[in-house]
Structures are given as structure tokens and as C-alpha cells.
């Protein structure tokens, strides 16, 4: 479950921390317990990033739909 602190993270902050988590996991040398904690943190950060990206996609889709609507209205007015 993602905490309130994670929800306050910006996309870039979450992405950068996720990169660091992955780097530490790939480097090895951590205990099983620490590796599991890092993996769990990585999953939380990935969810934060995914929410930001989904929000950006929704905003982009809405803007494109609005632009298309305006273009159709303009074409219809010219008939």
C-alpha cells in the first residue's frame, strides 16, 4: 500500500529513487531481508510513477479530444 508520503512525490523524484533501488538490487551484496524491503519499495515507487504517467496520458487525451472537437466545430461552421 502506497503511503501519503509517496503520494506527495513528484514523478521525477519517484523515478530517481526507483533507479537507485534497482541499482542497489542489481549490485547485490544485500541480505534477503534488505533485498525484499528494496523490492517492496521499488514496487511502491513504480505505482507512483505509473499514476503520474496515467494522469499525464489522461490530460493529453483530453486536450487532443478538445482540439479535435474545436476543429470539427470550425469545419461545421464553414459549411
PDB file of N, CA and C in Angstrom:
ATOM      1  N   UNK A   1       0.846  -1.187   0.000  1.00  0.00           N
ATOM      2  CA  UNK A   1       0.000   0.000   0.000  1.00  0.00           C
ATOM      3  C   UNK A   1       0.886   1.243   0.000  1.00  0.00           C
ATOM      4  N   UNK A   2       0.576   2.161  -0.873  1.00  0.00           N
ATOM      5  CA  UNK A   2       1.364   3.376  -1.009  1.00  0.00           C
ATOM      6  C   UNK A   2       0.954   4.374   0.060  1.00  0.00           C
ATOM      7  N   UNK A   3       1.948   4.925   0.768  1.00  0.00           N
ATOM      8  CA  UNK A   3       1.667   5.855   1.846  1.00  0.00           C
ATOM      9  C   UNK A   3       1.464   7.267   1.353  1.00  0.00           C
ATOM     10  N   UNK A   4       1.033   8.147   2.269  1.00  0.00           N
ATOM     11  CA  UNK A   4       0.791   9.546   1.927  1.00  0.00           C
ATOM     12  C   UNK A   4       2.072  10.247   1.493  1.00  0.00           C
ATOM     13  N   UNK A   5       3.198   9.839   2.050  1.00  0.00           N
ATOM     14  CA  UNK A   5       4.470  10.445   1.657  1.00  0.00           C
ATOM     15  C   UNK A   5       4.735  10.153   0.183  1.00  0.00           C
ATOM     16  N   UNK A   6       4.465   8.930  -0.243  1.00  0.00           N
ATOM     17  CA  UNK A   6       4.675   8.560  -1.641  1.00  0.00           C
ATOM     18  C   UNK A   6       3.777   9.356  -2.581  1.00  0.00           C
ATOM     19  N   UNK A   7       2.561   9.653  -2.131  1.00  0.00           N
ATOM     20  CA  UNK A   7       1.645  10.408  -2.970  1.00  0.00           C
ATOM     21  C   UNK A   7       2.127  11.838  -3.171  1.00  0.00           C
ATOM     22  N   UNK A   8       2.954  12.338  -2.261  1.00  0.00           N
ATOM     23  CA  UNK A   8       3.492  13.690  -2.384  1.00  0.00           C
ATOM     24  C   UNK A   8       4.711  13.731  -3.306  1.00  0.00           C
ATOM     25  N   UNK A   9       5.247  12.562  -3.651  1.00  0.00           N
ATOM     26  CA  UNK A   9       6.418  12.508  -4.527  1.00  0.00           C
ATOM     27  C   UNK A   9       6.037  12.919  -5.937  1.00  0.00           C
ATOM     28  N   UNK A  10       6.884  13.725  -6.542  1.00  0.00           N
ATOM     29  CA  UNK A  10       6.712  14.037  -7.946  1.00  0.00           C
ATOM     30  C   UNK A  10       7.213  12.871  -8.783  1.00  0.00           C
ATOM     31  N   UNK A  11       6.886  12.895 -10.060  1.00  0.00           N
ATOM     32  CA  UNK A  11       7.303  11.815 -10.947  1.00  0.00           C
ATOM     33  C   UNK A  11       8.817  11.659 -10.953  1.00  0.00           C
ATOM     34  N   UNK A  12       9.529  12.765 -11.121  1.00  0.00           N
ATOM     35  CA  UNK A  12      10.987  12.694 -11.225  1.00  0.00           C
ATOM     36  C   UNK A  12      11.617  12.168  -9.946  1.00  0.00           C
ATOM     37  N   UNK A  13      11.079  12.581  -8.792  1.00  0.00           N
ATOM     38  CA  UNK A  13      11.608  12.098  -7.515  1.00  0.00           C
ATOM     39  C   UNK A  13      11.405  10.589  -7.393  1.00  0.00           C
ATOM     40  N   UNK A  14      10.204  10.133  -7.710  1.00  0.00           N
ATOM     41  CA  UNK A  14       9.902   8.703  -7.613  1.00  0.00           C
ATOM     42  C   UNK A  14      10.753   7.910  -8.593  1.00  0.00           C
ATOM     43  N   UNK A  15      10.894   8.427  -9.809  1.00  0.00           N
ATOM     44  CA  UNK A  15      11.705   7.748 -10.826  1.00  0.00           C
ATOM     45  C   UNK A  15      13.162   7.641 -10.390  1.00  0.00           C
ATOM     46  N   UNK A  16      13.697   8.744  -9.874  1.00  0.00           N
ATOM     47  CA  UNK A  16      15.098   8.736  -9.451  1.00  0.00           C
ATOM     48  C   UNK A  16      15.330   7.766  -8.295  1.00  0.00           C
ATOM     49  N   UNK A  17      14.396   7.741  -7.347  1.00  0.00           N
ATOM     50  CA  UNK A  17      14.546   6.801  -6.237  1.00  0.00           C
ATOM     51  C   UNK A  17      14.411   5.367  -6.729  1.00  0.00           C
ATOM     52  N   UNK A  18      13.511   5.142  -7.670  1.00  0.00           N
ATOM     53  CA  UNK A  18      13.338   3.798  -8.240  1.00  0.00           C
ATOM     54  C   UNK A  18      14.615   3.346  -8.947  1.00  0.00           C
ATOM     55  N   UNK A  19      15.242   4.248  -9.663  1.00  0.00           N
ATOM     56  CA  UNK A  19      16.506   3.923 -10.333  1.00  0.00           C
ATOM     57  C   UNK A  19      17.550   3.501  -9.306  1.00  0.00           C
ATOM     58  N   UNK A  20      17.606   4.219  -8.194  1.00  0.00           N
ATOM     59  CA  UNK A  20      18.563   3.898  -7.130  1.00  0.00           C
ATOM     60  C   UNK A  20      18.251   2.535  -6.500  1.00  0.00           C
ATOM     61  N   UNK A  21      16.980   2.254  -6.287  1.00  0.00           N
ATOM     62  CA  UNK A  21      16.580   0.954  -5.729  1.00  0.00           C
ATOM     63  C   UNK A  21      17.017  -0.173  -6.663  1.00  0.00           C
ATOM     64  N   UNK A  22      16.762  -0.011  -7.941  1.00  0.00           N
ATOM     65  CA  UNK A  22      17.145  -1.031  -8.926  1.00  0.00           C
ATOM     66  C   UNK A  22      18.658  -1.200  -8.951  1.00  0.00           C
ATOM     67  N   UNK A  23      19.380  -0.079  -8.911  1.00  0.00           N
ATOM     68  CA  UNK A  23      20.845  -0.149  -8.905  1.00  0.00           C
ATOM     69  C   UNK A  23      21.342  -0.954  -7.710  1.00  0.00           C
ATOM     70  N   UNK A  24      20.769  -0.687  -6.537  1.00  0.00           N
ATOM     71  CA  UNK A  24      21.198  -1.407  -5.330  1.00  0.00           C
ATOM     72  C   UNK A  24      20.866  -2.889  -5.419  1.00  0.00           C
ATOM     73  N   UNK A  25      19.698  -3.210  -5.959  1.00  0.00           N
ATOM     74  CA  UNK A  25      19.330  -4.624  -6.100  1.00  0.00           C
ATOM     75  C   UNK A  25      20.249  -5.332  -7.095  1.00  0.00           C
ATOM     76  N   UNK A  26      20.548  -4.668  -8.198  1.00  0.00           N
ATOM     77  CA  UNK A  26      21.413  -5.272  -9.209  1.00  0.00           C
ATOM     78  C   UNK A  26      22.846  -5.435  -8.715  1.00  0.00           C
ATOM     79  N   UNK A  27      23.282  -4.532  -7.834  1.00  0.00           N
ATOM     80  CA  UNK A  27      24.649  -4.605  -7.309  1.00  0.00           C
ATOM     81  C   UNK A  27      24.823  -5.802  -6.380  1.00  0.00           C
ATOM     82  N   UNK A  28      23.725  -6.245  -5.775  1.00  0.00           N
ATOM     83  CA  UNK A  28      23.810  -7.384  -4.862  1.00  0.00           C
ATOM     84  C   UNK A  28      24.468  -6.997  -3.554  1.00  0.00           C
ATOM     85  N   UNK A  29      24.832  -7.996  -2.780  1.00  0.00           N
ATOM     86  CA  UNK A  29      25.514  -7.756  -1.521  1.00  0.00           C
ATOM     87  C   UNK A  29      24.584  -7.355  -0.387  1.00  0.00           C
ATOM     88  N   UNK A  30      23.280  -7.457  -0.603  1.00  0.00           N
ATOM     89  CA  UNK A  30      22.345  -7.125   0.466  1.00  0.00           C
ATOM     90  C   UNK A  30      21.749  -8.420   1.018  1.00  0.00           C
ATOM     91  N   UNK A  31      21.307  -8.334   2.248  1.00  0.00           N
ATOM     92  CA  UNK A  31      20.675  -9.503   2.865  1.00  0.00           C
ATOM     93  C   UNK A  31      19.325  -9.755   2.201  1.00  0.00           C
ATOM     94  N   UNK A  32      18.793 -10.924   2.440  1.00  0.00           N
ATOM     95  CA  UNK A  32      17.487 -11.253   1.884  1.00  0.00           C
ATOM     96  C   UNK A  32      16.442 -10.261   2.380  1.00  0.00           C
ATOM     97  N   UNK A  33      16.475  -9.962   3.656  1.00  0.00           N
ATOM     98  CA  UNK A  33      15.506  -9.030   4.235  1.00  0.00           C
ATOM     99  C   UNK A  33      15.616  -7.648   3.592  1.00  0.00           C
ATOM    100  N   UNK A  34      16.841  -7.159   3.426  1.00  0.00           N
ATOM    101  CA  UNK A  34      17.038  -5.853   2.805  1.00  0.00           C
ATOM    102  C   UNK A  34      16.614  -5.884   1.333  1.00  0.00           C
ATOM    103  N   UNK A  35      16.921  -6.963   0.651  1.00  0.00           N
ATOM    104  CA  UNK A  35      16.516  -7.095  -0.750  1.00  0.00           C
ATOM    105  C   UNK A  35      14.998  -7.068  -0.889  1.00  0.00           C
ATOM    106  N   UNK A  36      14.304  -7.757   0.001  1.00  0.00           N
ATOM    107  CA  UNK A  36      12.842  -7.755  -0.031  1.00  0.00           C
ATOM    108  C   UNK A  36      12.289  -6.357   0.242  1.00  0.00           C
ATOM    109  N   UNK A  37      12.886  -5.658   1.203  1.00  0.00           N
ATOM    110  CA  UNK A  37      12.447  -4.298   1.517  1.00  0.00           C
ATOM    111  C   UNK A  37      12.682  -3.370   0.318  1.00  0.00           C
ATOM    112  N   UNK A  38      13.818  -3.524  -0.338  1.00  0.00           N
ATOM    113  CA  UNK A  38      14.103  -2.719  -1.524  1.00  0.00           C
ATOM    114  C   UNK A  38      13.113  -3.037  -2.644  1.00  0.00           C
ATOM    115  N   UNK A  39      12.830  -4.303  -2.843  1.00  0.00           N
ATOM    116  CA  UNK A  39      11.897  -4.709  -3.883  1.00  0.00           C
ATOM    117  C   UNK A  39      10.512  -4.113  -3.605  1.00  0.00           C
ATOM    118  N   UNK A  40      10.058  -4.194  -2.347  1.00  0.00           N
ATOM    119  CA  UNK A  40       8.756  -3.636  -1.981  1.00  0.00           C
ATOM    120  C   UNK A  40       8.727  -2.128  -2.220  1.00  0.00           C
ATOM    121  N   UNK A  41       9.809  -1.455  -1.860  1.00  0.00           N
ATOM    122  CA  UNK A  41       9.886  -0.011  -2.084  1.00  0.00           C
ATOM    123  C   UNK A  41       9.845   0.283  -3.584  1.00  0.00           C
ATOM    124  N   UNK A  42      10.548  -0.521  -4.360  1.00  0.00           N
ATOM    125  CA  UNK A  42      10.534  -0.354  -5.809  1.00  0.00           C
ATOM    126  C   UNK A  42       9.134  -0.505  -6.387  1.00  0.00           C
ATOM    127  N   UNK A  43       8.384  -1.469  -5.878  1.00  0.00           N
ATOM    128  CA  UNK A  43       7.001  -1.655  -6.337  1.00  0.00           C
ATOM    129  C   UNK A  43       6.155  -0.426  -6.018  1.00  0.00           C
ATOM    130  N   UNK A  44       6.319   0.126  -4.815  1.00  0.00           N
ATOM    131  CA  UNK A  44       5.573   1.332  -4.431  1.00  0.00           C
ATOM    132  C   UNK A  44       5.933   2.500  -5.340  1.00  0.00           C
ATOM    133  N   UNK A  45       7.225   2.670  -5.588  1.00  0.00           N
ATOM    134  CA  UNK A  45       7.670   3.763  -6.446  1.00  0.00           C
ATOM    135  C   UNK A  45       7.173   3.595  -7.879  1.00  0.00           C
ATOM    136  N   UNK A  46       7.159   2.366  -8.362  1.00  0.00           N
ATOM    137  CA  UNK A  46       6.655   2.098  -9.712  1.00  0.00           C
ATOM    138  C   UNK A  46       5.180   2.477  -9.813  1.00  0.00           C
ATOM    139  N   UNK A  47       4.412   2.217  -8.752  1.00  0.00           N
ATOM    140  CA  UNK A  47       2.989   2.591  -8.745  1.00  0.00           C
ATOM    141  C   UNK A  47       2.828   4.106  -8.789  1.00  0.00           C
ATOM    142  N   UNK A  48       3.679   4.817  -8.047  1.00  0.00           N
ATOM    143  CA  UNK A  48       3.629   6.286  -8.062  1.00  0.00           C
ATOM    144  C   UNK A  48       3.914   6.783  -9.476  1.00  0.00           C
ATOM    145  N   UNK A  49       4.953   6.254 -10.095  1.00  0.00           N
ATOM    146  CA  UNK A  49       5.309   6.665 -11.463  1.00  0.00           C
ATOM    147  C   UNK A  49       4.174   6.340 -12.426  1.00  0.00           C
ATOM    148  N   UNK A  50       3.593   5.154 -12.281  1.00  0.00           N
ATOM    149  CA  UNK A  50       2.501   4.742 -13.166  1.00  0.00           C
ATOM    150  C   UNK A  50       1.311   5.693 -13.031  1.00  0.00           C
ATOM    151  N   UNK A  51       0.986   6.097 -11.800  1.00  0.00           N
ATOM    152  CA  UNK A  51      -0.137   7.028 -11.600  1.00  0.00           C
ATOM    153  C   UNK A  51       0.146   8.373 -12.265  1.00  0.00           C
ATOM    154  N   UNK A  52       1.380   8.858 -12.113  1.00  0.00           N
ATOM    155  CA  UNK A  52       1.738  10.120 -12.768  1.00  0.00           C
ATOM    156  C   UNK A  52       1.612  10.008 -14.284  1.00  0.00           C
ATOM    157  N   UNK A  53       2.103   8.921 -14.839  1.00  0.00           N
ATOM    158  CA  UNK A  53       2.056   8.742 -16.290  1.00  0.00           C
ATOM    159  C   UNK A  53       0.630   8.571 -16.795  1.00  0.00           C
ATOM    160  N   UNK A  54      -0.192   7.842 -16.038  1.00  0.00           N
ATOM    161  CA  UNK A  54      -1.591   7.683 -16.424  1.00  0.00           C
ATOM    162  C   UNK A  54      -2.317   9.023 -16.380  1.00  0.00           C
ATOM    163  N   UNK A  55      -2.000   9.838 -15.367  1.00  0.00           N
ATOM    164  CA  UNK A  55      -2.596  11.170 -15.275  1.00  0.00           C
ATOM    165  C   UNK A  55      -2.180  12.046 -16.442  1.00  0.00           C
ATOM    166  N   UNK A  56      -0.913  11.963 -16.800  1.00  0.00           N
ATOM    167  CA  UNK A  56      -0.416  12.746 -17.940  1.00  0.00           C
ATOM    168  C   UNK A  56      -1.090  12.287 -19.227  1.00  0.00           C
ATOM    169  N   UNK A  57      -1.253  10.982 -19.380  1.00  0.00           N
ATOM    170  CA  UNK A  57      -1.908  10.433 -20.574  1.00  0.00           C
ATOM    171  C   UNK A  57      -3.359  10.918 -20.647  1.00  0.00           C
ATOM    172  N   UNK A  58      -4.058  10.912 -19.510  1.00  0.00           N
ATOM    173  CA  UNK A  58      -5.451  11.365 -19.485  1.00  0.00           C
ATOM    174  C   UNK A  58      -5.547  12.840 -19.869  1.00  0.00           C
ATOM    175  N   UNK A  59      -4.627  13.660 -19.352  1.00  0.00           N
ATOM    176  CA  UNK A  59      -4.627  15.090 -19.689  1.00  0.00           C
ATOM    177  C   UNK A  59      -4.347  15.297 -21.171  1.00  0.00           C
ATOM    178  N   UNK A  60      -3.409  14.538 -21.710  1.00  0.00           N
ATOM    179  CA  UNK A  60      -3.078  14.646 -23.125  1.00  0.00           C
ATOM    180  C   UNK A  60      -4.262  14.221 -23.985  1.00  0.00           C
ATOM    181  N   UNK A  61      -4.886  13.096 -23.627  1.00  0.00           N
ATOM    182  CA  UNK A  61      -6.054  12.617 -24.382  1.00  0.00           C
ATOM    183  C   UNK A  61      -7.182  13.645 -24.351  1.00  0.00           C
ATOM    184  N   UNK A  62      -7.413  14.256 -23.175  1.00  0.00           N
ATOM    185  CA  UNK A  62      -8.470  15.264 -23.050  1.00  0.00           C
ATOM    186  C   UNK A  62      -8.152  16.482 -23.917  1.00  0.00           C
ATOM    187  N   UNK A  63      -6.911  16.918 -23.915  1.00  0.00           N
ATOM    188  CA  UNK A  63      -6.512  18.075 -24.721  1.00  0.00           C
ATOM    189  C   UNK A  63      -6.665  17.774 -26.209  1.00  0.00           C
ATOM    190  N   UNK A  64      -6.274  16.575 -26.623  1.00  0.00           N
ATOM    191  CA  UNK A  64      -6.403  16.205 -28.031  1.00  0.00           C
ATOM    192  C   UNK A  64      -7.870  16.105 -28.438  1.00  0.00           C
ATOM    193  N   UNK A  65      -8.701  15.553 -27.557  1.00  0.00           N
ATOM    194  CA  UNK A  65     -10.129  15.442 -27.854  1.00  0.00           C
ATOM    195  C   UNK A  65     -10.754  16.826 -27.968  1.00  0.00           C
ATOM    196  N   UNK A  66     -10.362  17.728 -27.087  1.00  0.00           N
ATOM    197  CA  UNK A  66     -10.880  19.094 -27.129  1.00  0.00           C
ATOM    198  C   UNK A  66     -10.458  19.793 -28.418  1.00  0.00           C
ATOM    199  N   UNK A  67      -9.210  19.588 -28.796  1.00  0.00           N
ATOM    200  CA  UNK A  67      -8.701  20.188 -30.033  1.00  0.00           C
ATOM    201  C   UNK A  67      -9.465  19.651 -31.239  1.00  0.00           C
ATOM    202  N   UNK A  68      -9.726  18.354 -31.229  1.00  0.00           N
ATOM    203  CA  UNK A  68     -10.458  17.727 -32.332  1.00  0.00           C
ATOM    204  C   UNK A  68     -11.898  18.259 -32.396  1.00  0.00           C
ATOM    205  N   UNK A  69     -12.515  18.412 -31.224  1.00  0.00           N
ATOM    206  CA  UNK A  69     -13.871  18.951 -31.149  1.00  0.00           C
ATOM    207  C   UNK A  69     -13.921  20.362 -31.722  1.00  0.00           C
ATOM    208  N   UNK A  70     -12.953  21.179 -31.345  1.00  0.00           N
ATOM    209  CA  UNK A  70     -12.909  22.547 -31.846  1.00  0.00           C
ATOM    210  C   UNK A  70     -12.706  22.581 -33.345  1.00  0.00           C
ATOM    211  N   UNK A  71     -11.889  21.682 -33.852  1.00  0.00           N
ATOM    212  CA  UNK A  71     -11.649  21.634 -35.292  1.00  0.00           C
ATOM    213  C   UNK A  71     -12.922  21.219 -36.033  1.00  0.00           C
ATOM    214  N   UNK A  72     -13.678  20.272 -35.481  1.00  0.00           N
ATOM    215  CA  UNK A  72     -14.926  19.842 -36.100  1.00  0.00           C
ATOM    216  C   UNK A  72     -15.963  20.975 -36.087  1.00  0.00           C
ATOM    217  N   UNK A  73     -15.999  21.710 -34.974  1.00  0.00           N
ATOM    218  CA  UNK A  73     -16.933  22.830 -34.870  1.00  0.00           C
ATOM    219  C   UNK A  73     -16.591  23.913 -35.900  1.00  0.00           C
ATOM    220  N   UNK A  74     -15.311  24.166 -36.080  1.00  0.00           N
ATOM    221  CA  UNK A  74     -14.858  25.159 -37.041  1.00  0.00           C
ATOM    222  C   UNK A  74     -15.203  24.731 -38.457  1.00  0.00           C
ATOM    223  N   UNK A  75     -15.010  23.458 -38.762  1.00  0.00           N
ATOM    224  CA  UNK A  75     -15.341  22.934 -40.086  1.00  0.00           C
ATOM    225  C   UNK A  75     -16.851  22.990 -40.325  1.00  0.00           C
ATOM    226  N   UNK A  76     -17.614  22.672 -39.298  1.00  0.00           N
ATOM    227  CA  UNK A  76     -19.079  22.694 -39.406  1.00  0.00           C
ATOM    228  C   UNK A  76     -19.629  24.098 -39.591  1.00  0.00           C
ATOM    229  N   UNK A  77     -18.987  25.085 -39.005  1.00  0.00           N
ATOM    230  CA  UNK A  77     -19.426  26.475 -39.109  1.00  0.00           C
ATOM    231  C   UNK A  77     -19.161  27.037 -40.497  1.00  0.00           C
ATOM    232  N   UNK A  78     -18.192  26.464 -41.185  1.00  0.00           N
ATOM    233  CA  UNK A  78     -17.823  26.957 -42.500  1.00  0.00           C
ATOM    234  C   UNK A  78     -18.704  26.402 -43.611  1.00  0.00           C
ATOM    235  N   UNK A  79     -19.570  25.449 -43.305  1.00  0.00           N
ATOM    236  CA  UNK A  79     -20.421  24.830 -44.327  1.00  0.00           C
ATOM    237  C   UNK A  79     -21.592  25.670 -44.705  1.00  0.00           C
TER     238      UNK A  79
END
